[in-house]
Amino acid sequence: MPVTLTDVEKIAKLAKLRFSEEELKSLTKDMNKILDYMDKLNELDTTNVEPLLNPISNENVFREDKLVESIPTEEALKNAPDRTDVYFRVPKVISKE
């Protein structure tokens, strides 16, 4: 079933897009080419082809967790512009109001 100029106008209206008459004709031709190509693909025998979810097979690769010593508090706070004995001091952003 070919796409008509009316179909393209309706799709453009639903998408809230405006096209010139020339653009509408070009889009109609392009959409029909896409549908023709899909029909061509439908001619292929895919009975023994498994569905493909992703063209690249991805496997999650996680590193093993290793227990390591954390950075000492003094070293972590040595470059802080403002600090208390064991915390970074930051401007208050939440008020009680």
PDB file of N, CA and C in Angstrom:
ATOM      1  N   MET A   1       0.847  -1.179   0.000  1.00  0.00           N
ATOM      2  CA  MET A   1       0.000   0.000   0.000  1.00  0.00           C
ATOM      3  C   MET A   1       0.894   1.244   0.000  1.00  0.00           C
ATOM      4  N   PRO A   2       0.900   1.958  -1.075  1.00  0.00           N
ATOM      5  CA  PRO A   2       1.774   3.134  -1.161  1.00  0.00           C
ATOM      6  C   PRO A   2       1.295   4.288  -0.275  1.00  0.00           C
ATOM      7  N   VAL A   3       2.246   5.091   0.127  1.00  0.00           N
ATOM      8  CA  VAL A   3       1.952   6.286   0.929  1.00  0.00           C
ATOM      9  C   VAL A   3       1.546   7.397  -0.029  1.00  0.00           C
ATOM     10  N   THR A   4       0.476   8.073   0.300  1.00  0.00           N
ATOM     11  CA  THR A   4      -0.004   9.170  -0.548  1.00  0.00           C
ATOM     12  C   THR A   4       0.419  10.514   0.049  1.00  0.00           C
ATOM     13  N   LEU A   5       0.267  11.537  -0.735  1.00  0.00           N
ATOM     14  CA  LEU A   5       0.567  12.891  -0.277  1.00  0.00           C
ATOM     15  C   LEU A   5      -0.311  13.244   0.925  1.00  0.00           C
ATOM     16  N   THR A   6      -1.555  12.787   0.906  1.00  0.00           N
ATOM     17  CA  THR A   6      -2.479  13.032   2.022  1.00  0.00           C
ATOM     18  C   THR A   6      -1.957  12.365   3.297  1.00  0.00           C
ATOM     19  N   ASP A   7      -1.410  11.144   3.161  1.00  0.00           N
ATOM     20  CA  ASP A   7      -0.859  10.445   4.326  1.00  0.00           C
ATOM     21  C   ASP A   7       0.295  11.234   4.937  1.00  0.00           C
ATOM     22  N   VAL A   8       1.169  11.732   4.087  1.00  0.00           N
ATOM     23  CA  VAL A   8       2.327  12.488   4.568  1.00  0.00           C
ATOM     24  C   VAL A   8       1.879  13.786   5.230  1.00  0.00           C
ATOM     25  N   GLU A   9       0.879  14.435   4.656  1.00  0.00           N
ATOM     26  CA  GLU A   9       0.347  15.658   5.269  1.00  0.00           C
ATOM     27  C   GLU A   9      -0.235  15.363   6.642  1.00  0.00           C
ATOM     28  N   LYS A  10      -0.935  14.246   6.755  1.00  0.00           N
ATOM     29  CA  LYS A  10      -1.539  13.863   8.030  1.00  0.00           C
ATOM     30  C   LYS A  10      -0.459  13.549   9.073  1.00  0.00           C
ATOM     31  N   ILE A  11       0.587  12.820   8.665  1.00  0.00           N
ATOM     32  CA  ILE A  11       1.690  12.489   9.570  1.00  0.00           C
ATOM     33  C   ILE A  11       2.394  13.767  10.021  1.00  0.00           C
ATOM     34  N   ALA A  12       2.614  14.688   9.077  1.00  0.00           N
ATOM     35  CA  ALA A  12       3.263  15.953   9.408  1.00  0.00           C
ATOM     36  C   ALA A  12       2.417  16.752  10.396  1.00  0.00           C
ATOM     37  N   LYS A  13       1.115  16.746  10.197  1.00  0.00           N
ATOM     38  CA  LYS A  13       0.217  17.472  11.099  1.00  0.00           C
ATOM     39  C   LYS A  13       0.265  16.861  12.492  1.00  0.00           C
ATOM     40  N   LEU A  14       0.246  15.519  12.584  1.00  0.00           N
ATOM     41  CA  LEU A  14       0.312  14.842  13.886  1.00  0.00           C
ATOM     42  C   LEU A  14       1.637  15.133  14.592  1.00  0.00           C
ATOM     43  N   ALA A  15       2.711  15.256  13.806  1.00  0.00           N
ATOM     44  CA  ALA A  15       4.029  15.542  14.369  1.00  0.00           C
ATOM     45  C   ALA A  15       4.250  17.044  14.553  1.00  0.00           C
ATOM     46  N   LYS A  16       3.242  17.823  14.205  1.00  0.00           N
ATOM     47  CA  LYS A  16       3.300  19.277  14.307  1.00  0.00           C
ATOM     48  C   LYS A  16       4.481  19.838  13.509  1.00  0.00           C
ATOM     49  N   LEU A  17       4.622  19.333  12.284  1.00  0.00           N
ATOM     50  CA  LEU A  17       5.667  19.788  11.376  1.00  0.00           C
ATOM     51  C   LEU A  17       5.029  20.435  10.164  1.00  0.00           C
ATOM     52  N   ARG A  18       5.705  21.408   9.615  1.00  0.00           N
ATOM     53  CA  ARG A  18       5.213  22.082   8.411  1.00  0.00           C
ATOM     54  C   ARG A  18       6.231  21.892   7.299  1.00  0.00           C
ATOM     55  N   PHE A  19       5.727  21.523   6.128  1.00  0.00           N
ATOM     56  CA  PHE A  19       6.593  21.321   4.973  1.00  0.00           C
ATOM     57  C   PHE A  19       6.009  22.047   3.783  1.00  0.00           C
ATOM     58  N   SER A  20       6.885  22.434   2.891  1.00  0.00           N
ATOM     59  CA  SER A  20       6.421  23.034   1.647  1.00  0.00           C
ATOM     60  C   SER A  20       5.857  21.915   0.769  1.00  0.00           C
ATOM     61  N   GLU A  21       5.173  22.306  -0.285  1.00  0.00           N
ATOM     62  CA  GLU A  21       4.582  21.325  -1.200  1.00  0.00           C
ATOM     63  C   GLU A  21       5.672  20.440  -1.811  1.00  0.00           C
ATOM     64  N   GLU A  22       6.792  21.049  -2.142  1.00  0.00           N
ATOM     65  CA  GLU A  22       7.912  20.302  -2.720  1.00  0.00           C
ATOM     66  C   GLU A  22       8.475  19.288  -1.711  1.00  0.00           C
ATOM     67  N   GLU A  23       8.607  19.707  -0.455  1.00  0.00           N
ATOM     68  CA  GLU A  23       9.118  18.804   0.592  1.00  0.00           C
ATOM     69  C   GLU A  23       8.149  17.642   0.830  1.00  0.00           C
ATOM     70  N   LEU A  24       6.854  17.936   0.804  1.00  0.00           N
ATOM     71  CA  LEU A  24       5.855  16.881   0.985  1.00  0.00           C
ATOM     72  C   LEU A  24       5.961  15.837  -0.125  1.00  0.00           C
ATOM     73  N   LYS A  25       6.141  16.291  -1.359  1.00  0.00           N
ATOM     74  CA  LYS A  25       6.284  15.356  -2.479  1.00  0.00           C
ATOM     75  C   LYS A  25       7.550  14.512  -2.319  1.00  0.00           C
ATOM     76  N   SER A  26       8.627  15.144  -1.884  1.00  0.00           N
ATOM     77  CA  SER A  26       9.891  14.433  -1.679  1.00  0.00           C
ATOM     78  C   SER A  26       9.753  13.402  -0.552  1.00  0.00           C
ATOM     79  N   LEU A  27       9.099  13.799   0.530  1.00  0.00           N
ATOM     80  CA  LEU A  27       8.886  12.872   1.650  1.00  0.00           C
ATOM     81  C   LEU A  27       8.003  11.700   1.235  1.00  0.00           C
ATOM     82  N   THR A  28       7.013  11.961   0.434  1.00  0.00           N
ATOM     83  CA  THR A  28       6.138  10.891  -0.065  1.00  0.00           C
ATOM     84  C   THR A  28       6.952   9.889  -0.864  1.00  0.00           C
ATOM     85  N   LYS A  29       7.803  10.401  -1.742  1.00  0.00           N
ATOM     86  CA  LYS A  29       8.648   9.522  -2.557  1.00  0.00           C
ATOM     87  C   LYS A  29       9.601   8.724  -1.656  1.00  0.00           C
ATOM     88  N   ASP A  30      10.207   9.385  -0.668  1.00  0.00           N
ATOM     89  CA  ASP A  30      11.143   8.709   0.240  1.00  0.00           C
ATOM     90  C   ASP A  30      10.451   7.627   1.063  1.00  0.00           C
ATOM     91  N   MET A  31       9.276   7.930   1.568  1.00  0.00           N
ATOM     92  CA  MET A  31       8.547   6.939   2.375  1.00  0.00           C
ATOM     93  C   MET A  31       8.161   5.719   1.536  1.00  0.00           C
ATOM     94  N   ASN A  32       7.785   5.964   0.291  1.00  0.00           N
ATOM     95  CA  ASN A  32       7.447   4.847  -0.590  1.00  0.00           C
ATOM     96  C   ASN A  32       8.680   3.999  -0.903  1.00  0.00           C
ATOM     97  N   LYS A  33       9.837   4.639  -1.046  1.00  0.00           N
ATOM     98  CA  LYS A  33      11.077   3.887  -1.264  1.00  0.00           C
ATOM     99  C   LYS A  33      11.379   2.998  -0.052  1.00  0.00           C
ATOM    100  N   ILE A  34      11.173   3.528   1.130  1.00  0.00           N
ATOM    101  CA  ILE A  34      11.414   2.761   2.359  1.00  0.00           C
ATOM    102  C   ILE A  34      10.478   1.552   2.412  1.00  0.00           C
ATOM    103  N   LEU A  35       9.205   1.783   2.103  1.00  0.00           N
ATOM    104  CA  LEU A  35       8.244   0.673   2.128  1.00  0.00           C
ATOM    105  C   LEU A  35       8.554  -0.364   1.057  1.00  0.00           C
ATOM    106  N   ASP A  36       9.002   0.090  -0.111  1.00  0.00           N
ATOM    107  CA  ASP A  36       9.401  -0.852  -1.169  1.00  0.00           C
ATOM    108  C   ASP A  36      10.568  -1.708  -0.704  1.00  0.00           C
ATOM    109  N   TYR A  37      11.510  -1.089  -0.017  1.00  0.00           N
ATOM    110  CA  TYR A  37      12.659  -1.830   0.483  1.00  0.00           C
ATOM    111  C   TYR A  37      12.221  -2.846   1.545  1.00  0.00           C
ATOM    112  N   MET A  38      11.298  -2.454   2.396  1.00  0.00           N
ATOM    113  CA  MET A  38      10.778  -3.383   3.412  1.00  0.00           C
ATOM    114  C   MET A  38      10.087  -4.567   2.734  1.00  0.00           C
ATOM    115  N   ASP A  39       9.342  -4.318   1.674  1.00  0.00           N
ATOM    116  CA  ASP A  39       8.718  -5.417   0.928  1.00  0.00           C
ATOM    117  C   ASP A  39       9.775  -6.350   0.352  1.00  0.00           C
ATOM    118  N   LYS A  40      10.855  -5.777  -0.140  1.00  0.00           N
ATOM    119  CA  LYS A  40      11.947  -6.572  -0.685  1.00  0.00           C
ATOM    120  C   LYS A  40      12.569  -7.443   0.409  1.00  0.00           C
ATOM    121  N   LEU A  41      12.757  -6.868   1.601  1.00  0.00           N
ATOM    122  CA  LEU A  41      13.307  -7.630   2.719  1.00  0.00           C
ATOM    123  C   LEU A  41      12.362  -8.748   3.148  1.00  0.00           C
ATOM    124  N   ASN A  42      11.060  -8.518   3.033  1.00  0.00           N
ATOM    125  CA  ASN A  42      10.081  -9.541   3.413  1.00  0.00           C
ATOM    126  C   ASN A  42      10.115 -10.751   2.489  1.00  0.00           C
ATOM    127  N   GLU A  43      10.731 -10.622   1.333  1.00  0.00           N
ATOM    128  CA  GLU A  43      10.855 -11.742   0.409  1.00  0.00           C
ATOM    129  C   GLU A  43      11.909 -12.756   0.861  1.00  0.00           C
ATOM    130  N   LEU A  44      12.799 -12.341   1.752  1.00  0.00           N
ATOM    131  CA  LEU A  44      13.871 -13.224   2.206  1.00  0.00           C
ATOM    132  C   LEU A  44      13.338 -14.339   3.095  1.00  0.00           C
ATOM    133  N   ASP A  45      13.955 -15.519   2.974  1.00  0.00           N
ATOM    134  CA  ASP A  45      13.591 -16.654   3.818  1.00  0.00           C
ATOM    135  C   ASP A  45      14.362 -16.540   5.139  1.00  0.00           C
ATOM    136  N   THR A  46      13.649 -16.300   6.207  1.00  0.00           N
ATOM    137  CA  THR A  46      14.280 -16.138   7.521  1.00  0.00           C
ATOM    138  C   THR A  46      13.826 -17.213   8.495  1.00  0.00           C
ATOM    139  N   THR A  47      13.441 -18.374   7.990  1.00  0.00           N
ATOM    140  CA  THR A  47      12.915 -19.416   8.870  1.00  0.00           C
ATOM    141  C   THR A  47      13.950 -19.920   9.869  1.00  0.00           C
ATOM    142  N   ASN A  48      15.218 -20.011   9.484  1.00  0.00           N
ATOM    143  CA  ASN A  48      16.243 -20.530  10.396  1.00  0.00           C
ATOM    144  C   ASN A  48      17.111 -19.439  11.011  1.00  0.00           C
ATOM    145  N   VAL A  49      16.638 -18.213  10.964  1.00  0.00           N
ATOM    146  CA  VAL A  49      17.401 -17.094  11.511  1.00  0.00           C
ATOM    147  C   VAL A  49      16.787 -16.691  12.843  1.00  0.00           C
ATOM    148  N   GLU A  50      17.635 -16.696  13.867  1.00  0.00           N
ATOM    149  CA  GLU A  50      17.146 -16.291  15.187  1.00  0.00           C
ATOM    150  C   GLU A  50      16.997 -14.775  15.241  1.00  0.00           C
ATOM    151  N   PRO A  51      15.991 -14.310  15.975  1.00  0.00           N
ATOM    152  CA  PRO A  51      15.811 -12.853  16.103  1.00  0.00           C
ATOM    153  C   PRO A  51      17.037 -12.220  16.760  1.00  0.00           C
ATOM    154  N   LEU A  52      17.379 -11.032  16.315  1.00  0.00           N
ATOM    155  CA  LEU A  52      18.535 -10.322  16.824  1.00  0.00           C
ATOM    156  C   LEU A  52      18.063  -9.128  17.637  1.00  0.00           C
ATOM    157  N   LEU A  53      18.445  -9.112  18.905  1.00  0.00           N
ATOM    158  CA  LEU A  53      18.063  -7.997  19.753  1.00  0.00           C
ATOM    159  C   LEU A  53      19.045  -6.838  19.653  1.00  0.00           C
ATOM    160  N   ASN A  54      20.302  -7.172  19.427  1.00  0.00           N
ATOM    161  CA  ASN A  54      21.334  -6.158  19.363  1.00  0.00           C
ATOM    162  C   ASN A  54      22.415  -6.642  18.396  1.00  0.00           C
ATOM    163  N   PRO A  55      22.874  -5.808  17.491  1.00  0.00           N
ATOM    164  CA  PRO A  55      23.871  -6.269  16.525  1.00  0.00           C
ATOM    165  C   PRO A  55      25.233  -6.561  17.155  1.00  0.00           C
ATOM    166  N   ILE A  56      25.457  -6.045  18.342  1.00  0.00           N
ATOM    167  CA  ILE A  56      26.729  -6.278  19.028  1.00  0.00           C
ATOM    168  C   ILE A  56      26.433  -7.077  20.283  1.00  0.00           C
ATOM    169  N   SER A  57      27.096  -8.209  20.421  1.00  0.00           N
ATOM    170  CA  SER A  57      26.841  -8.992  21.630  1.00  0.00           C
ATOM    171  C   SER A  57      27.606  -8.366  22.788  1.00  0.00           C
ATOM    172  N   ASN A  58      26.871  -7.951  23.768  1.00  0.00           N
ATOM    173  CA  ASN A  58      27.460  -7.311  24.940  1.00  0.00           C
ATOM    174  C   ASN A  58      27.411  -8.267  26.114  1.00  0.00           C
ATOM    175  N   GLU A  59      28.502  -8.372  26.775  1.00  0.00           N
ATOM    176  CA  GLU A  59      28.526  -9.133  28.007  1.00  0.00           C
ATOM    177  C   GLU A  59      29.049  -8.205  29.085  1.00  0.00           C
ATOM    178  N   ASN A  60      28.399  -8.234  30.225  1.00  0.00           N
ATOM    179  CA  ASN A  60      28.879  -7.419  31.325  1.00  0.00           C
ATOM    180  C   ASN A  60      30.161  -8.023  31.862  1.00  0.00           C
ATOM    181  N   VAL A  61      31.180  -7.214  31.881  1.00  0.00           N
ATOM    182  CA  VAL A  61      32.456  -7.672  32.400  1.00  0.00           C
ATOM    183  C   VAL A  61      32.758  -6.841  33.638  1.00  0.00           C
ATOM    184  N   PHE A  62      32.724  -7.511  34.760  1.00  0.00           N
ATOM    185  CA  PHE A  62      32.986  -6.833  36.017  1.00  0.00           C
ATOM    186  C   PHE A  62      34.320  -7.311  36.571  1.00  0.00           C
ATOM    187  N   ARG A  63      35.029  -6.409  37.173  1.00  0.00           N
ATOM    188  CA  ARG A  63      36.258  -6.822  37.831  1.00  0.00           C
ATOM    189  C   ARG A  63      35.890  -7.406  39.188  1.00  0.00           C
ATOM    190  N   GLU A  64      36.761  -8.218  39.698  1.00  0.00           N
ATOM    191  CA  GLU A  64      36.517  -8.773  41.021  1.00  0.00           C
ATOM    192  C   GLU A  64      36.738  -7.681  42.047  1.00  0.00           C
ATOM    193  N   ASP A  65      35.902  -7.684  43.075  1.00  0.00           N
ATOM    194  CA  ASP A  65      36.082  -6.734  44.166  1.00  0.00           C
ATOM    195  C   ASP A  65      37.309  -7.124  44.968  1.00  0.00           C
ATOM    196  N   LYS A  66      38.131  -6.136  45.244  1.00  0.00           N
ATOM    197  CA  LYS A  66      39.315  -6.374  46.061  1.00  0.00           C
ATOM    198  C   LYS A  66      39.262  -5.434  47.249  1.00  0.00           C
ATOM    199  N   LEU A  67      39.489  -5.977  48.390  1.00  0.00           N
ATOM    200  CA  LEU A  67      39.493  -5.186  49.605  1.00  0.00           C
ATOM    201  C   LEU A  67      40.824  -4.463  49.706  1.00  0.00           C
ATOM    202  N   VAL A  68      40.774  -3.140  49.698  1.00  0.00           N
ATOM    203  CA  VAL A  68      41.992  -2.335  49.819  1.00  0.00           C
ATOM    204  C   VAL A  68      41.778  -1.309  50.917  1.00  0.00           C
ATOM    205  N   GLU A  69      42.877  -0.836  51.442  1.00  0.00           N
ATOM    206  CA  GLU A  69      42.788   0.160  52.498  1.00  0.00           C
ATOM    207  C   GLU A  69      42.308   1.478  51.913  1.00  0.00           C
ATOM    208  N   SER A  70      41.440   2.162  52.630  1.00  0.00           N
ATOM    209  CA  SER A  70      40.951   3.444  52.122  1.00  0.00           C
ATOM    210  C   SER A  70      41.972   4.534  52.425  1.00  0.00           C
ATOM    211  N   ILE A  71      41.773   5.670  51.788  1.00  0.00           N
ATOM    212  CA  ILE A  71      42.688   6.794  51.959  1.00  0.00           C
ATOM    213  C   ILE A  71      42.506   7.365  53.374  1.00  0.00           C
ATOM    214  N   PRO A  72      43.583   7.690  54.054  1.00  0.00           N
ATOM    215  CA  PRO A  72      43.450   8.262  55.404  1.00  0.00           C
ATOM    216  C   PRO A  72      42.716   9.603  55.367  1.00  0.00           C
ATOM    217  N   THR A  73      41.952   9.891  56.397  1.00  0.00           N
ATOM    218  CA  THR A  73      41.149  11.117  56.470  1.00  0.00           C
ATOM    219  C   THR A  73      42.017  12.356  56.282  1.00  0.00           C
ATOM    220  N   GLU A  74      43.150  12.405  56.935  1.00  0.00           N
ATOM    221  CA  GLU A  74      44.029  13.571  56.843  1.00  0.00           C
ATOM    222  C   GLU A  74      44.476  13.820  55.405  1.00  0.00           C
ATOM    223  N   GLU A  75      44.801  12.756  54.688  1.00  0.00           N
ATOM    224  CA  GLU A  75      45.233  12.903  53.301  1.00  0.00           C
ATOM    225  C   GLU A  75      44.072  13.357  52.414  1.00  0.00           C
ATOM    226  N   ALA A  76      42.873  12.838  52.673  1.00  0.00           N
ATOM    227  CA  ALA A  76      41.698  13.207  51.880  1.00  0.00           C
ATOM    228  C   ALA A  76      41.353  14.676  52.065  1.00  0.00           C
ATOM    229  N   LEU A  77      41.577  15.207  53.275  1.00  0.00           N
ATOM    230  CA  LEU A  77      41.182  16.586  53.575  1.00  0.00           C
ATOM    231  C   LEU A  77      42.303  17.599  53.403  1.00  0.00           C
ATOM    232  N   LYS A  78      43.487  17.170  53.010  1.00  0.00           N
ATOM    233  CA  LYS A  78      44.624  18.085  53.003  1.00  0.00           C
ATOM    234  C   LYS A  78      44.479  19.235  52.006  1.00  0.00           C
ATOM    235  N   ASN A  79      43.739  19.064  50.917  1.00  0.00           N
ATOM    236  CA  ASN A  79      43.565  20.139  49.929  1.00  0.00           C
ATOM    237  C   ASN A  79      42.201  20.825  50.026  1.00  0.00           C
ATOM    238  N   ALA A  80      41.419  20.491  51.049  1.00  0.00           N
ATOM    239  CA  ALA A  80      40.088  21.083  51.193  1.00  0.00           C
ATOM    240  C   ALA A  80      40.215  22.561  51.527  1.00  0.00           C
ATOM    241  N   PRO A  81      39.439  23.430  50.846  1.00  0.00           N
ATOM    242  CA  PRO A  81      39.513  24.859  51.142  1.00  0.00           C
ATOM    243  C   PRO A  81      38.966  25.193  52.530  1.00  0.00           C
ATOM    244  N   ASP A  82      38.021  24.405  53.002  1.00  0.00           N
ATOM    245  CA  ASP A  82      37.449  24.636  54.334  1.00  0.00           C
ATOM    246  C   ASP A  82      37.077  23.277  54.897  1.00  0.00           C
ATOM    247  N   ARG A  83      37.434  23.035  56.143  1.00  0.00           N
ATOM    248  CA  ARG A  83      37.181  21.723  56.719  1.00  0.00           C
ATOM    249  C   ARG A  83      37.066  21.808  58.230  1.00  0.00           C
ATOM    250  N   THR A  84      36.518  20.742  58.823  1.00  0.00           N
ATOM    251  CA  THR A  84      36.550  20.570  60.269  1.00  0.00           C
ATOM    252  C   THR A  84      37.613  19.500  60.513  1.00  0.00           C
ATOM    253  N   ASP A  85      37.623  18.906  61.668  1.00  0.00           N
ATOM    254  CA  ASP A  85      38.638  17.885  61.956  1.00  0.00           C
ATOM    255  C   ASP A  85      38.544  16.698  61.008  1.00  0.00           C
ATOM    256  N   VAL A  86      37.315  16.256  60.698  1.00  0.00           N
ATOM    257  CA  VAL A  86      37.172  15.041  59.885  1.00  0.00           C
ATOM    258  C   VAL A  86      36.211  15.187  58.716  1.00  0.00           C
ATOM    259  N   TYR A  87      35.701  16.411  58.431  1.00  0.00           N
ATOM    260  CA  TYR A  87      34.725  16.595  57.359  1.00  0.00           C
ATOM    261  C   TYR A  87      35.095  17.775  56.470  1.00  0.00           C
ATOM    262  N   PHE A  88      34.620  17.732  55.212  1.00  0.00           N
ATOM    263  CA  PHE A  88      34.671  18.894  54.342  1.00  0.00           C
ATOM    264  C   PHE A  88      33.596  19.853  54.830  1.00  0.00           C
ATOM    265  N   ARG A  89      33.868  21.142  54.819  1.00  0.00           N
ATOM    266  CA  ARG A  89      32.864  22.133  55.196  1.00  0.00           C
ATOM    267  C   ARG A  89      32.364  22.769  53.903  1.00  0.00           C
ATOM    268  N   VAL A  90      31.049  22.747  53.693  1.00  0.00           N
ATOM    269  CA  VAL A  90      30.441  23.286  52.487  1.00  0.00           C
ATOM    270  C   VAL A  90      29.361  24.285  52.859  1.00  0.00           C
ATOM    271  N   PRO A  91      28.985  25.172  51.943  1.00  0.00           N
ATOM    272  CA  PRO A  91      27.911  26.124  52.242  1.00  0.00           C
ATOM    273  C   PRO A  91      26.594  25.394  52.509  1.00  0.00           C
ATOM    274  N   LYS A  92      25.802  25.948  53.411  1.00  0.00           N
ATOM    275  CA  LYS A  92      24.513  25.367  53.741  1.00  0.00           C
ATOM    276  C   LYS A  92      23.556  25.570  52.569  1.00  0.00           C
ATOM    277  N   VAL A  93      22.901  24.504  52.124  1.00  0.00           N
ATOM    278  CA  VAL A  93      21.985  24.610  50.993  1.00  0.00           C
ATOM    279  C   VAL A  93      20.549  24.268  51.377  1.00  0.00           C
ATOM    280  N   ILE A  94      20.353  23.714  52.533  1.00  0.00           N
ATOM    281  CA  ILE A  94      19.009  23.370  52.998  1.00  0.00           C
ATOM    282  C   ILE A  94      18.714  24.167  54.242  1.00  0.00           C
ATOM    283  N   SER A  95      17.596  24.882  54.223  1.00  0.00           N
ATOM    284  CA  SER A  95      17.210  25.672  55.385  1.00  0.00           C
ATOM    285  C   SER A  95      16.067  24.970  56.114  1.00  0.00           C
ATOM    286  N   LYS A  96      15.775  25.420  57.306  1.00  0.00           N
ATOM    287  CA  LYS A  96      14.714  24.811  58.113  1.00  0.00           C
ATOM    288  C   LYS A  96      13.339  25.342  57.746  1.00  0.00           C
ATOM    289  N   GLU A  97      13.266  26.287  56.847  1.00  0.00           N
ATOM    290  CA  GLU A  97      11.977  26.890  56.468  1.00  0.00           C
ATOM    291  C   GLU A  97      11.159  25.974  55.598  1.00  0.00           C
TER     292      GLU A  97
END
